[in-house]
């Protein structure tokens, strides 16, 4: 896993969620973790349907198609909705963004997330994940999300495991997180949902 400024990603996710009304009421950690599990389920469903991203160049070609005639944000939304939205990497990015938002809402620093990669447990996860199907890996991740342990550990471990999954699938998850964050910033309040 390459060096990523997870605290900056956390701050952006939390700020966007606040600006879009997601923190207007107090929600439990269990509620928010269930939303992460929902995104993982959506990733499984996307995998079942074969909905994978076709590549950055395909996205950029669509983005640039009407760039001179249409507002940049509209071009971005159109390209994102056509080629990125609801794909496996998009759903995985959603799961990470929810975890980042949760970390922001309860003020958890993610500076030490790379320390997990030096733990023996990390090597065990990496080896175990390589032997599992995508669906089994999402189930394993769900078991981490539902463990009765410190919420900071759950968030950090889950982010690491999602990135390990992305690496196994050759997904540039950071790119997808950045694009989804941009897309979310352009959306309506609560993205048209109740919570």
Foldseek 3Di string as FASTA:
>chain_A
DDDDQLLVLLVLLQVLCVVQAVVVDDDDLVVLLVVLLVLLVLLVVLVVVVFAAPDPVQLVCQLPVCPVPDPSLVSLLVSCVVGPPSHNLLSLLVSLSSLSNVCNVVVNHCPCLCVVCVDPVVVVLLVVVVPDDSVVLSVVLSCLSPDPDDSSVSSSVSNSSSVSVCVVVVHPSVVSNVSVSSVSSPAHRVNPDPD
